[in-house]
Amino acid sequence: AQNDSIVKLSSEMAILDDSPTPKVHSPHKATFYAAILPGLGQIYNKKYWKLPLVYGGIAGVAYGIHFNSKYYKDYRRAYRDFIVDDPNNTSYVQFIPPGLTLEDVRGRHSAWFQNALQNKKKYYKRYRDMSYIGMGLIYVAQIIDATVDAHFFNFDISDNLSLNVQPAIVDPQAAHSGLGMQFCITF
């Protein structure tokens, strides 16, 4: 009979209790938001100061992709035009170094110039590809950051951390009792 009255009393108290329930912070939701739109997971975690870092990194790598892609296309076109040797397509003329003429590049420096164009083409292609990898790494890093921040969102970081050292008797009922030190850490 007592159990029924306790349950009944508890259910009545639950009805009368109008305090708001604490909002649960979900790491899954932060991960999902960050995967949908970079920076949205940081906004969900209320870490607004990280937004300039995320978008600054994305903008910097996007500029690197644009810069390297532009020069890669220019050198690829120049290399192709130089190999084909069509008089109507001379995009390689803009890359002739000062002190050399078109006749020099077509004559005695032909192999050197062709090799230089090919090396520049490979150089800008490599750094364009590295920029794409960097963009992927920034995307993944901001997702990981949002997930870790969400896991630590409700973590107590108060200054109430103490260490209490005191002497203690180790198992006084045992046959071999002794003295020792007891360390108590309070969080």
C-alpha atoms as a PDB file:
ATOM      1  CA  ALA A   1       0.000   0.000   0.000  1.00  0.00           C
ATOM      2  CA  GLN A   2       2.854   2.338   0.706  1.00  0.00           C
ATOM      3  CA  ASN A   3       4.346   1.835  -2.743  1.00  0.00           C
ATOM      4  CA  ASP A   4       1.097   2.958  -4.378  1.00  0.00           C
ATOM      5  CA  SER A   5       0.941   6.147  -2.339  1.00  0.00           C
ATOM      6  CA  ILE A   6       4.588   6.937  -3.172  1.00  0.00           C
ATOM      7  CA  VAL A   7       3.997   6.429  -6.866  1.00  0.00           C
ATOM      8  CA  LYS A   8       0.834   8.476  -6.685  1.00  0.00           C
ATOM      9  CA  LEU A   9       2.596  11.236  -4.779  1.00  0.00           C
ATOM     10  CA  SER A  10       5.511  11.192  -7.202  1.00  0.00           C
ATOM     11  CA  SER A  11       3.240  11.451 -10.212  1.00  0.00           C
ATOM     12  CA  GLU A  12       1.398  14.373  -8.607  1.00  0.00           C
ATOM     13  CA  MET A  13       4.697  16.147  -8.002  1.00  0.00           C
ATOM     14  CA  ALA A  14       5.703  15.573 -11.592  1.00  0.00           C
ATOM     15  CA  ILE A  15       2.529  17.263 -12.756  1.00  0.00           C
ATOM     16  CA  LEU A  16       3.094  20.242 -10.479  1.00  0.00           C
ATOM     17  CA  ASP A  17       6.741  20.627 -11.511  1.00  0.00           C
ATOM     18  CA  ASP A  18       6.811  23.252 -14.274  1.00  0.00           C
ATOM     19  CA  SER A  19      10.600  23.662 -14.497  1.00  0.00           C
ATOM     20  CA  PRO A  20      11.905  23.455 -18.060  1.00  0.00           C
ATOM     21  CA  THR A  21      13.783  20.331 -19.000  1.00  0.00           C
ATOM     22  CA  PRO A  22      17.407  20.974 -19.937  1.00  0.00           C
ATOM     23  CA  LYS A  23      18.000  20.981 -23.678  1.00  0.00           C
ATOM     24  CA  VAL A  24      20.104  18.036 -24.811  1.00  0.00           C
ATOM     25  CA  HIS A  25      23.047  18.998 -27.012  1.00  0.00           C
ATOM     26  CA  SER A  26      23.450  16.365 -29.712  1.00  0.00           C
ATOM     27  CA  PRO A  27      26.856  15.558 -31.255  1.00  0.00           C
ATOM     28  CA  HIS A  28      25.065  13.777 -34.106  1.00  0.00           C
ATOM     29  CA  LYS A  29      23.136  16.920 -34.939  1.00  0.00           C
ATOM     30  CA  ALA A  30      26.333  19.013 -34.885  1.00  0.00           C
ATOM     31  CA  THR A  31      28.025  16.521 -37.215  1.00  0.00           C
ATOM     32  CA  PHE A  32      25.061  16.511 -39.580  1.00  0.00           C
ATOM     33  CA  TYR A  33      24.890  20.305 -39.664  1.00  0.00           C
ATOM     34  CA  ALA A  34      28.630  20.609 -40.315  1.00  0.00           C
ATOM     35  CA  ALA A  35      28.395  18.080 -43.140  1.00  0.00           C
ATOM     36  CA  ILE A  36      25.485  19.951 -44.757  1.00  0.00           C
ATOM     37  CA  LEU A  37      27.101  23.409 -44.635  1.00  0.00           C
ATOM     38  CA  PRO A  38      30.633  24.131 -43.381  1.00  0.00           C
ATOM     39  CA  GLY A  39      30.459  26.239 -40.229  1.00  0.00           C
ATOM     40  CA  LEU A  40      26.883  25.307 -39.358  1.00  0.00           C
ATOM     41  CA  GLY A  41      28.084  22.789 -36.770  1.00  0.00           C
ATOM     42  CA  GLN A  42      30.161  25.524 -35.114  1.00  0.00           C
ATOM     43  CA  ILE A  43      27.074  27.768 -35.041  1.00  0.00           C
ATOM     44  CA  TYR A  44      25.052  24.938 -33.441  1.00  0.00           C
ATOM     45  CA  ASN A  45      27.793  24.576 -30.790  1.00  0.00           C
ATOM     46  CA  LYS A  46      27.767  28.365 -30.225  1.00  0.00           C
ATOM     47  CA  LYS A  47      31.451  28.656 -31.189  1.00  0.00           C
ATOM     48  CA  TYR A  48      30.961  31.678 -33.424  1.00  0.00           C
ATOM     49  CA  TRP A  49      34.624  32.710 -33.234  1.00  0.00           C
ATOM     50  CA  LYS A  50      35.554  29.659 -35.343  1.00  0.00           C
ATOM     51  CA  LEU A  51      33.499  30.794 -38.351  1.00  0.00           C
ATOM     52  CA  PRO A  52      36.169  33.195 -39.684  1.00  0.00           C
ATOM     53  CA  LEU A  53      38.722  30.391 -39.397  1.00  0.00           C
ATOM     54  CA  VAL A  54      36.554  27.941 -41.329  1.00  0.00           C
ATOM     55  CA  TYR A  55      35.541  30.372 -44.059  1.00  0.00           C
ATOM     56  CA  GLY A  56      38.988  31.975 -44.210  1.00  0.00           C
ATOM     57  CA  GLY A  57      40.531  28.553 -44.783  1.00  0.00           C
ATOM     58  CA  ILE A  58      37.955  27.711 -47.432  1.00  0.00           C
ATOM     59  CA  ALA A  59      38.475  31.075 -49.170  1.00  0.00           C
ATOM     60  CA  GLY A  60      42.269  30.711 -49.101  1.00  0.00           C
ATOM     61  CA  VAL A  61      42.214  27.226 -50.564  1.00  0.00           C
ATOM     62  CA  ALA A  62      39.573  28.247 -53.131  1.00  0.00           C
ATOM     63  CA  TYR A  63      41.892  31.054 -54.251  1.00  0.00           C
ATOM     64  CA  GLY A  64      44.728  28.524 -54.531  1.00  0.00           C
ATOM     65  CA  ILE A  65      42.537  26.265 -56.678  1.00  0.00           C
ATOM     66  CA  HIS A  66      41.572  29.171 -58.945  1.00  0.00           C
ATOM     67  CA  PHE A  67      45.144  30.491 -59.264  1.00  0.00           C
ATOM     68  CA  ASN A  68      46.729  27.118 -60.006  1.00  0.00           C
ATOM     69  CA  SER A  69      43.925  26.056 -62.373  1.00  0.00           C
ATOM     70  CA  LYS A  70      44.287  29.255 -64.397  1.00  0.00           C
ATOM     71  CA  TYR A  71      48.035  28.868 -64.862  1.00  0.00           C
ATOM     72  CA  TYR A  72      47.739  25.128 -65.475  1.00  0.00           C
ATOM     73  CA  LYS A  73      45.275  25.767 -68.331  1.00  0.00           C
ATOM     74  CA  ASP A  74      47.479  28.537 -69.775  1.00  0.00           C
ATOM     75  CA  TYR A  75      50.626  26.379 -69.737  1.00  0.00           C
ATOM     76  CA  ARG A  76      48.749  23.327 -71.025  1.00  0.00           C
ATOM     77  CA  ARG A  77      47.418  25.347 -73.955  1.00  0.00           C
ATOM     78  CA  ALA A  78      50.867  26.874 -74.618  1.00  0.00           C
ATOM     79  CA  TYR A  79      52.562  23.462 -74.507  1.00  0.00           C
ATOM     80  CA  ARG A  80      49.970  21.965 -76.875  1.00  0.00           C
ATOM     81  CA  ASP A  81      50.271  24.888 -79.301  1.00  0.00           C
ATOM     82  CA  PHE A  82      54.077  24.679 -79.260  1.00  0.00           C
ATOM     83  CA  ILE A  83      54.023  20.928 -79.990  1.00  0.00           C
ATOM     84  CA  VAL A  84      51.403  21.233 -82.783  1.00  0.00           C
ATOM     85  CA  ASP A  85      53.324  24.113 -84.437  1.00  0.00           C
ATOM     86  CA  ASP A  86      50.242  25.757 -85.943  1.00  0.00           C
ATOM     87  CA  PRO A  87      50.958  29.384 -86.956  1.00  0.00           C
ATOM     88  CA  ASN A  88      47.374  30.384 -86.010  1.00  0.00           C
ATOM     89  CA  ASN A  89      47.731  29.126 -82.397  1.00  0.00           C
ATOM     90  CA  THR A  90      50.640  30.859 -80.684  1.00  0.00           C
ATOM     91  CA  SER A  91      49.581  31.080 -77.058  1.00  0.00           C
ATOM     92  CA  TYR A  92      53.125  30.141 -76.014  1.00  0.00           C
ATOM     93  CA  VAL A  93      54.492  33.529 -77.170  1.00  0.00           C
ATOM     94  CA  GLN A  94      53.482  35.136 -73.853  1.00  0.00           C
ATOM     95  CA  PHE A  95      55.818  32.720 -72.026  1.00  0.00           C
ATOM     96  CA  ILE A  96      58.956  33.439 -74.048  1.00  0.00           C
ATOM     97  CA  PRO A  97      61.544  34.765 -71.560  1.00  0.00           C
ATOM     98  CA  PRO A  98      63.049  38.214 -72.051  1.00  0.00           C
ATOM     99  CA  GLY A  99      66.155  38.163 -74.222  1.00  0.00           C
ATOM    100  CA  LEU A 100      64.869  35.399 -76.495  1.00  0.00           C
ATOM    101  CA  THR A 101      62.923  35.820 -79.694  1.00  0.00           C
ATOM    102  CA  LEU A 102      60.367  33.613 -81.400  1.00  0.00           C
ATOM    103  CA  GLU A 103      63.061  32.459 -83.831  1.00  0.00           C
ATOM    104  CA  ASP A 104      65.348  31.454 -80.928  1.00  0.00           C
ATOM    105  CA  VAL A 105      62.551  29.440 -79.302  1.00  0.00           C
ATOM    106  CA  ARG A 106      61.664  27.783 -82.618  1.00  0.00           C
ATOM    107  CA  GLY A 107      65.317  27.114 -83.433  1.00  0.00           C
ATOM    108  CA  ARG A 108      68.221  26.302 -81.149  1.00  0.00           C
ATOM    109  CA  HIS A 109      66.270  26.614 -77.812  1.00  0.00           C
ATOM    110  CA  SER A 110      63.318  24.510 -78.958  1.00  0.00           C
ATOM    111  CA  ALA A 111      63.978  21.502 -76.710  1.00  0.00           C
ATOM    112  CA  TRP A 112      64.684  23.699 -73.680  1.00  0.00           C
ATOM    113  CA  PHE A 113      61.513  25.772 -74.187  1.00  0.00           C
ATOM    114  CA  GLN A 114      59.344  22.691 -74.706  1.00  0.00           C
ATOM    115  CA  ASN A 115      60.750  21.166 -71.510  1.00  0.00           C
ATOM    116  CA  ALA A 116      60.169  24.442 -69.602  1.00  0.00           C
ATOM    117  CA  LEU A 117      56.524  24.600 -70.716  1.00  0.00           C
ATOM    118  CA  GLN A 118      55.988  20.964 -69.764  1.00  0.00           C
ATOM    119  CA  ASN A 119      57.570  21.468 -66.317  1.00  0.00           C
ATOM    120  CA  LYS A 120      55.421  24.539 -65.604  1.00  0.00           C
ATOM    121  CA  LYS A 121      52.309  22.642 -66.695  1.00  0.00           C
ATOM    122  CA  LYS A 122      53.142  19.787 -64.297  1.00  0.00           C
ATOM    123  CA  TYR A 123      53.972  22.248 -61.507  1.00  0.00           C
ATOM    124  CA  TYR A 124      50.609  24.051 -61.610  1.00  0.00           C
ATOM    125  CA  LYS A 125      48.692  20.786 -62.062  1.00  0.00           C
ATOM    126  CA  ARG A 126      50.355  19.350 -58.966  1.00  0.00           C
ATOM    127  CA  TYR A 127      49.541  22.378 -56.810  1.00  0.00           C
ATOM    128  CA  ARG A 128      45.998  22.547 -58.168  1.00  0.00           C
ATOM    129  CA  ASP A 129      45.498  18.924 -57.117  1.00  0.00           C
ATOM    130  CA  MET A 130      47.072  19.636 -53.714  1.00  0.00           C
ATOM    131  CA  SER A 131      44.653  22.544 -53.285  1.00  0.00           C
ATOM    132  CA  TYR A 132      41.709  20.216 -53.897  1.00  0.00           C
ATOM    133  CA  ILE A 133      43.089  17.858 -51.246  1.00  0.00           C
ATOM    134  CA  GLY A 134      43.452  20.834 -48.889  1.00  0.00           C
ATOM    135  CA  MET A 135      39.811  21.774 -49.463  1.00  0.00           C
ATOM    136  CA  GLY A 136      38.748  18.239 -48.556  1.00  0.00           C
ATOM    137  CA  LEU A 137      40.902  18.321 -45.419  1.00  0.00           C
ATOM    138  CA  ILE A 138      39.384  21.628 -44.284  1.00  0.00           C
ATOM    139  CA  TYR A 139      35.895  20.213 -44.843  1.00  0.00           C
ATOM    140  CA  VAL A 140      36.648  17.071 -42.818  1.00  0.00           C
ATOM    141  CA  ALA A 141      38.470  19.035 -40.086  1.00  0.00           C
ATOM    142  CA  GLN A 142      35.518  21.358 -39.484  1.00  0.00           C
ATOM    143  CA  ILE A 143      33.194  18.335 -39.216  1.00  0.00           C
ATOM    144  CA  ILE A 144      35.508  16.697 -36.671  1.00  0.00           C
ATOM    145  CA  ASP A 145      35.808  19.984 -34.767  1.00  0.00           C
ATOM    146  CA  ALA A 146      32.026  20.384 -34.575  1.00  0.00           C
ATOM    147  CA  THR A 147      31.618  16.795 -33.368  1.00  0.00           C
ATOM    148  CA  VAL A 148      34.276  17.065 -30.642  1.00  0.00           C
ATOM    149  CA  ASP A 149      32.937  20.441 -29.476  1.00  0.00           C
ATOM    150  CA  ALA A 150      29.434  18.987 -29.250  1.00  0.00           C
ATOM    151  CA  HIS A 151      30.685  16.097 -27.107  1.00  0.00           C
ATOM    152  CA  PHE A 152      32.308  18.584 -24.704  1.00  0.00           C
ATOM    153  CA  PHE A 153      29.443  21.105 -24.791  1.00  0.00           C
ATOM    154  CA  ASN A 154      28.128  20.203 -21.295  1.00  0.00           C
ATOM    155  CA  PHE A 155      31.549  19.394 -19.834  1.00  0.00           C
ATOM    156  CA  ASP A 156      32.095  21.141 -16.495  1.00  0.00           C
ATOM    157  CA  ILE A 157      35.222  23.283 -16.597  1.00  0.00           C
ATOM    158  CA  SER A 158      34.736  25.044 -13.277  1.00  0.00           C
ATOM    159  CA  ASP A 159      37.611  25.894 -10.948  1.00  0.00           C
ATOM    160  CA  ASN A 160      36.352  23.436  -8.339  1.00  0.00           C
ATOM    161  CA  LEU A 161      39.129  20.912  -8.876  1.00  0.00           C
ATOM    162  CA  SER A 162      41.057  19.933  -5.759  1.00  0.00           C
ATOM    163  CA  LEU A 163      43.470  17.318  -4.520  1.00  0.00           C
ATOM    164  CA  ASN A 164      43.279  16.171  -0.918  1.00  0.00           C
ATOM    165  CA  VAL A 165      46.258  14.246   0.505  1.00  0.00           C
ATOM    166  CA  GLN A 166      45.865  12.661   3.929  1.00  0.00           C
ATOM    167  CA  PRO A 167      47.288   9.701   5.848  1.00  0.00           C
ATOM    168  CA  ALA A 168      45.171   6.553   5.928  1.00  0.00           C
ATOM    169  CA  ILE A 169      45.235   3.137   7.529  1.00  0.00           C
ATOM    170  CA  VAL A 170      45.199   0.458   4.854  1.00  0.00           C
ATOM    171  CA  ASP A 171      42.632  -2.309   5.623  1.00  0.00           C
ATOM    172  CA  PRO A 172      42.710  -2.422   9.434  1.00  0.00           C
ATOM    173  CA  GLN A 173      40.885  -5.814   9.558  1.00  0.00           C
ATOM    174  CA  ALA A 174      43.478  -7.575   7.399  1.00  0.00           C
ATOM    175  CA  ALA A 175      46.348  -9.572   8.880  1.00  0.00           C
ATOM    176  CA  HIS A 176      48.897  -7.208   7.324  1.00  0.00           C
ATOM    177  CA  SER A 177      47.583  -3.729   7.950  1.00  0.00           C
ATOM    178  CA  GLY A 178      49.737  -0.661   7.562  1.00  0.00           C
ATOM    179  CA  LEU A 179      49.913   3.043   7.046  1.00  0.00           C
ATOM    180  CA  GLY A 180      49.791   4.782   3.683  1.00  0.00           C
ATOM    181  CA  MET A 181      48.787   7.895   1.812  1.00  0.00           C
ATOM    182  CA  GLN A 182      45.334   8.480   0.387  1.00  0.00           C
ATOM    183  CA  PHE A 183      44.830  10.781  -2.591  1.00  0.00           C
ATOM    184  CA  CYS A 184      41.324  12.108  -3.215  1.00  0.00           C
ATOM    185  CA  ILE A 185      40.636  14.144  -6.344  1.00  0.00           C
ATOM    186  CA  THR A 186      37.417  16.143  -6.289  1.00  0.00           C
ATOM    187  CA  PHE A 187      35.868  17.244  -9.560  1.00  0.00           C
END
